[in-house]
Amino acid sequence: MDTQAQPTQPTLRRNTRQRQLVLDAVRVRCDHPTAEDVYRDVHAIDEHVSRGTVYRNLNLLAETGVIITVKAPGAMRFDRRCDGHSHVVCRQCGSVADTPLPYDPALDEQAGALTGFAVEAHSLVFEGLCPQCAPNQYAPRTIEAEA
């Protein structure tokens, strides 16, 4: 039996058609979309759904634990996966990827023991350069001679 306390989350109000469109737009993507990405996807399906409606619903879905957020340079990203997993974020372009590392509940216990907090969960985000940005970061730079 799991005796670990589960965090309480607000419950969703009634599910609206617009909220379902937003949720579907997040769930079909594997790339941790930004709110603007989700807005474009939803707007392509229903041009009457406003940007504000998409942003409000993304925030509500995240608050209620239906989706999660990942802080990345330039914009908050959204993730359809709510299981315990970590992310890696490119500090240059802001891309986000899941890591295959397993969730380690022992870290929750250690953090609680060290701080006195009743730690219920953690999120782990690694930062670095993605495969596309790393070569650019370390490529030699040449200065073209002026003619």
C-alpha atoms as a PDB file:
ATOM      1  CA  MET A   1       0.000   0.000   0.000  1.00  0.00           C
ATOM      2  CA  ASP A   2       1.368   3.419  -0.942  1.00  0.00           C
ATOM      3  CA  THR A   3       1.348   5.654   2.114  1.00  0.00           C
ATOM      4  CA  GLN A   4       2.888   8.620   0.351  1.00  0.00           C
ATOM      5  CA  ALA A   5       0.567  11.639   0.389  1.00  0.00           C
ATOM      6  CA  GLN A   6      -0.629  12.717  -3.032  1.00  0.00           C
ATOM      7  CA  PRO A   7      -0.693  16.448  -3.745  1.00  0.00           C
ATOM      8  CA  THR A   8      -4.166  17.895  -3.959  1.00  0.00           C
ATOM      9  CA  GLN A   9      -4.995  19.554  -7.228  1.00  0.00           C
ATOM     10  CA  PRO A  10      -7.929  21.685  -8.243  1.00  0.00           C
ATOM     11  CA  THR A  11     -10.575  19.850 -10.200  1.00  0.00           C
ATOM     12  CA  LEU A  12     -11.518  20.743 -13.731  1.00  0.00           C
ATOM     13  CA  ARG A  13     -14.722  22.591 -14.196  1.00  0.00           C
ATOM     14  CA  ARG A  14     -16.945  21.257 -16.934  1.00  0.00           C
ATOM     15  CA  ASN A  15     -15.046  20.158 -19.982  1.00  0.00           C
ATOM     16  CA  THR A  16     -15.713  22.520 -22.860  1.00  0.00           C
ATOM     17  CA  ARG A  17     -15.219  21.899 -26.554  1.00  0.00           C
ATOM     18  CA  GLN A  18     -12.435  24.502 -26.595  1.00  0.00           C
ATOM     19  CA  ARG A  19     -10.656  22.874 -23.649  1.00  0.00           C
ATOM     20  CA  GLN A  20     -10.854  19.508 -25.392  1.00  0.00           C
ATOM     21  CA  LEU A  21      -9.368  21.030 -28.562  1.00  0.00           C
ATOM     22  CA  VAL A  22      -6.487  22.447 -26.512  1.00  0.00           C
ATOM     23  CA  LEU A  23      -5.881  19.152 -24.734  1.00  0.00           C
ATOM     24  CA  ASP A  24      -6.016  17.216 -27.997  1.00  0.00           C
ATOM     25  CA  ALA A  25      -3.526  19.661 -29.549  1.00  0.00           C
ATOM     26  CA  VAL A  26      -1.052  18.995 -26.719  1.00  0.00           C
ATOM     27  CA  ARG A  27      -1.596  15.234 -26.728  1.00  0.00           C
ATOM     28  CA  VAL A  28      -0.912  14.751 -30.447  1.00  0.00           C
ATOM     29  CA  ARG A  29       2.484  16.455 -30.218  1.00  0.00           C
ATOM     30  CA  CYS A  30       5.669  14.881 -28.902  1.00  0.00           C
ATOM     31  CA  ASP A  31       7.775  18.034 -29.011  1.00  0.00           C
ATOM     32  CA  HIS A  32       6.689  19.895 -25.855  1.00  0.00           C
ATOM     33  CA  PRO A  33       4.856  22.702 -27.667  1.00  0.00           C
ATOM     34  CA  THR A  34       4.681  26.313 -26.576  1.00  0.00           C
ATOM     35  CA  ALA A  35       1.324  27.974 -25.954  1.00  0.00           C
ATOM     36  CA  GLU A  36       1.684  29.677 -29.321  1.00  0.00           C
ATOM     37  CA  ASP A  37       2.261  26.295 -31.025  1.00  0.00           C
ATOM     38  CA  VAL A  38      -0.919  24.972 -29.413  1.00  0.00           C
ATOM     39  CA  TYR A  39      -2.832  28.109 -30.397  1.00  0.00           C
ATOM     40  CA  ARG A  40      -1.808  27.698 -34.048  1.00  0.00           C
ATOM     41  CA  ASP A  41      -2.861  24.039 -34.017  1.00  0.00           C
ATOM     42  CA  VAL A  42      -6.234  24.795 -32.404  1.00  0.00           C
ATOM     43  CA  HIS A  43      -6.821  27.831 -34.627  1.00  0.00           C
ATOM     44  CA  ALA A  44      -6.269  25.663 -37.711  1.00  0.00           C
ATOM     45  CA  ILE A  45      -9.163  23.467 -36.544  1.00  0.00           C
ATOM     46  CA  ASP A  46     -11.442  26.245 -35.264  1.00  0.00           C
ATOM     47  CA  GLU A  47     -10.584  29.831 -36.163  1.00  0.00           C
ATOM     48  CA  HIS A  48     -13.106  31.122 -33.601  1.00  0.00           C
ATOM     49  CA  VAL A  49     -11.033  29.928 -30.627  1.00  0.00           C
ATOM     50  CA  SER A  50      -9.080  32.917 -29.338  1.00  0.00           C
ATOM     51  CA  ARG A  51      -5.491  33.019 -28.170  1.00  0.00           C
ATOM     52  CA  GLY A  52      -6.709  33.948 -24.675  1.00  0.00           C
ATOM     53  CA  THR A  53      -8.979  30.898 -24.553  1.00  0.00           C
ATOM     54  CA  VAL A  54      -6.083  28.626 -25.511  1.00  0.00           C
ATOM     55  CA  TYR A  55      -3.745  30.186 -22.929  1.00  0.00           C
ATOM     56  CA  ARG A  56      -6.368  30.047 -20.142  1.00  0.00           C
ATOM     57  CA  ASN A  57      -7.144  26.415 -20.896  1.00  0.00           C
ATOM     58  CA  LEU A  58      -3.472  25.437 -21.020  1.00  0.00           C
ATOM     59  CA  ASN A  59      -2.993  26.999 -17.585  1.00  0.00           C
ATOM     60  CA  LEU A  60      -6.091  25.267 -16.210  1.00  0.00           C
ATOM     61  CA  LEU A  61      -5.027  21.896 -17.631  1.00  0.00           C
ATOM     62  CA  ALA A  62      -1.577  22.337 -16.050  1.00  0.00           C
ATOM     63  CA  GLU A  63      -3.022  23.457 -12.680  1.00  0.00           C
ATOM     64  CA  THR A  64      -5.224  20.372 -12.552  1.00  0.00           C
ATOM     65  CA  GLY A  65      -2.407  17.999 -13.521  1.00  0.00           C
ATOM     66  CA  VAL A  66      -3.857  16.919 -16.852  1.00  0.00           C
ATOM     67  CA  ILE A  67      -0.683  18.187 -18.560  1.00  0.00           C
ATOM     68  CA  ILE A  68       2.569  19.524 -17.127  1.00  0.00           C
ATOM     69  CA  THR A  69       4.721  22.545 -17.858  1.00  0.00           C
ATOM     70  CA  VAL A  70       8.447  22.723 -18.490  1.00  0.00           C
ATOM     71  CA  LYS A  71      10.240  26.039 -18.154  1.00  0.00           C
ATOM     72  CA  ALA A  72      12.462  26.660 -21.174  1.00  0.00           C
ATOM     73  CA  PRO A  73      14.270  29.742 -22.489  1.00  0.00           C
ATOM     74  CA  GLY A  74      11.852  32.042 -24.250  1.00  0.00           C
ATOM     75  CA  ALA A  75       8.610  30.240 -23.409  1.00  0.00           C
ATOM     76  CA  MET A  76       6.886  27.775 -21.136  1.00  0.00           C
ATOM     77  CA  ARG A  77       6.492  24.368 -22.811  1.00  0.00           C
ATOM     78  CA  PHE A  78       3.689  21.874 -22.271  1.00  0.00           C
ATOM     79  CA  ASP A  79       3.980  18.117 -21.925  1.00  0.00           C
ATOM     80  CA  ARG A  80       1.302  15.512 -22.423  1.00  0.00           C
ATOM     81  CA  ARG A  81       3.144  13.063 -20.163  1.00  0.00           C
ATOM     82  CA  CYS A  82       2.327  13.448 -16.482  1.00  0.00           C
ATOM     83  CA  ASP A  83       4.261  10.451 -15.207  1.00  0.00           C
ATOM     84  CA  GLY A  84       7.464  11.031 -13.286  1.00  0.00           C
ATOM     85  CA  HIS A  85      10.125  11.763 -15.870  1.00  0.00           C
ATOM     86  CA  SER A  86      12.856  14.304 -16.407  1.00  0.00           C
ATOM     87  CA  HIS A  87      13.597  16.694 -19.249  1.00  0.00           C
ATOM     88  CA  VAL A  88      16.596  18.156 -20.992  1.00  0.00           C
ATOM     89  CA  VAL A  89      16.350  21.747 -22.232  1.00  0.00           C
ATOM     90  CA  CYS A  90      18.577  23.426 -24.800  1.00  0.00           C
ATOM     91  CA  ARG A  91      19.762  26.707 -23.330  1.00  0.00           C
ATOM     92  CA  GLN A  92      20.262  28.145 -26.797  1.00  0.00           C
ATOM     93  CA  CYS A  93      17.139  27.317 -28.839  1.00  0.00           C
ATOM     94  CA  GLY A  94      14.810  26.278 -26.001  1.00  0.00           C
ATOM     95  CA  SER A  95      13.967  22.829 -27.379  1.00  0.00           C
ATOM     96  CA  VAL A  96      12.818  20.291 -24.789  1.00  0.00           C
ATOM     97  CA  ALA A  97      13.127  16.502 -24.786  1.00  0.00           C
ATOM     98  CA  ASP A  98      12.197  13.762 -22.343  1.00  0.00           C
ATOM     99  CA  THR A  99      15.064  11.815 -20.822  1.00  0.00           C
ATOM    100  CA  PRO A 100      14.898   8.035 -20.375  1.00  0.00           C
ATOM    101  CA  LEU A 101      16.031   8.281 -16.750  1.00  0.00           C
ATOM    102  CA  PRO A 102      13.668   6.622 -14.268  1.00  0.00           C
ATOM    103  CA  TYR A 103      11.959   8.709 -11.586  1.00  0.00           C
ATOM    104  CA  ASP A 104      13.798   8.278  -8.272  1.00  0.00           C
ATOM    105  CA  PRO A 105      11.469   8.548  -5.247  1.00  0.00           C
ATOM    106  CA  ALA A 106      14.518   8.283  -2.972  1.00  0.00           C
ATOM    107  CA  LEU A 107      15.337  11.869  -3.959  1.00  0.00           C
ATOM    108  CA  ASP A 108      12.006  12.988  -2.481  1.00  0.00           C
ATOM    109  CA  GLU A 109      12.858  11.284   0.801  1.00  0.00           C
ATOM    110  CA  GLN A 110      16.386  12.726   0.857  1.00  0.00           C
ATOM    111  CA  ALA A 111      15.169  16.256   0.128  1.00  0.00           C
ATOM    112  CA  GLY A 112      12.544  15.935   2.848  1.00  0.00           C
ATOM    113  CA  ALA A 113      15.048  14.646   5.379  1.00  0.00           C
ATOM    114  CA  LEU A 114      17.485  17.465   4.598  1.00  0.00           C
ATOM    115  CA  THR A 115      14.933  20.286   4.641  1.00  0.00           C
ATOM    116  CA  GLY A 116      12.105  19.168   6.916  1.00  0.00           C
ATOM    117  CA  PHE A 117       9.635  19.572   4.041  1.00  0.00           C
ATOM    118  CA  ALA A 118       7.020  16.928   3.349  1.00  0.00           C
ATOM    119  CA  VAL A 119       8.295  16.385  -0.197  1.00  0.00           C
ATOM    120  CA  GLU A 120       5.671  14.798  -2.415  1.00  0.00           C
ATOM    121  CA  ALA A 121       7.392  14.874  -5.817  1.00  0.00           C
ATOM    122  CA  HIS A 122      10.156  16.497  -7.805  1.00  0.00           C
ATOM    123  CA  SER A 123      10.877  17.502 -11.351  1.00  0.00           C
ATOM    124  CA  LEU A 124      14.326  17.279 -12.813  1.00  0.00           C
ATOM    125  CA  VAL A 125      15.453  19.447 -15.713  1.00  0.00           C
ATOM    126  CA  PHE A 126      18.872  19.156 -17.291  1.00  0.00           C
ATOM    127  CA  GLU A 127      20.237  22.088 -19.281  1.00  0.00           C
ATOM    128  CA  GLY A 128      22.702  22.063 -22.113  1.00  0.00           C
ATOM    129  CA  LEU A 129      22.904  22.269 -25.875  1.00  0.00           C
ATOM    130  CA  CYS A 130      20.813  20.123 -28.191  1.00  0.00           C
ATOM    131  CA  PRO A 131      22.461  18.182 -31.030  1.00  0.00           C
ATOM    132  CA  GLN A 132      21.569  20.941 -33.515  1.00  0.00           C
ATOM    133  CA  CYS A 133      22.959  23.819 -31.420  1.00  0.00           C
ATOM    134  CA  ALA A 134      26.088  22.156 -29.991  1.00  0.00           C
ATOM    135  CA  PRO A 135      28.035  22.092 -33.277  1.00  0.00           C
ATOM    136  CA  ASN A 136      27.215  25.766 -33.859  1.00  0.00           C
ATOM    137  CA  GLN A 137      28.368  26.724 -30.378  1.00  0.00           C
ATOM    138  CA  TYR A 138      31.810  25.200 -30.826  1.00  0.00           C
ATOM    139  CA  ALA A 139      32.342  25.729 -34.538  1.00  0.00           C
ATOM    140  CA  PRO A 140      35.314  27.940 -35.393  1.00  0.00           C
ATOM    141  CA  ARG A 141      34.268  31.401 -36.422  1.00  0.00           C
ATOM    142  CA  THR A 142      35.829  33.010 -39.426  1.00  0.00           C
ATOM    143  CA  ILE A 143      35.963  36.675 -40.217  1.00  0.00           C
ATOM    144  CA  GLU A 144      35.604  37.408 -43.876  1.00  0.00           C
ATOM    145  CA  ALA A 145      38.086  39.898 -45.247  1.00  0.00           C
ATOM    146  CA  GLU A 146      36.602  43.141 -46.477  1.00  0.00           C
ATOM    147  CA  ALA A 147      37.204  43.778 -50.157  1.00  0.00           C
END
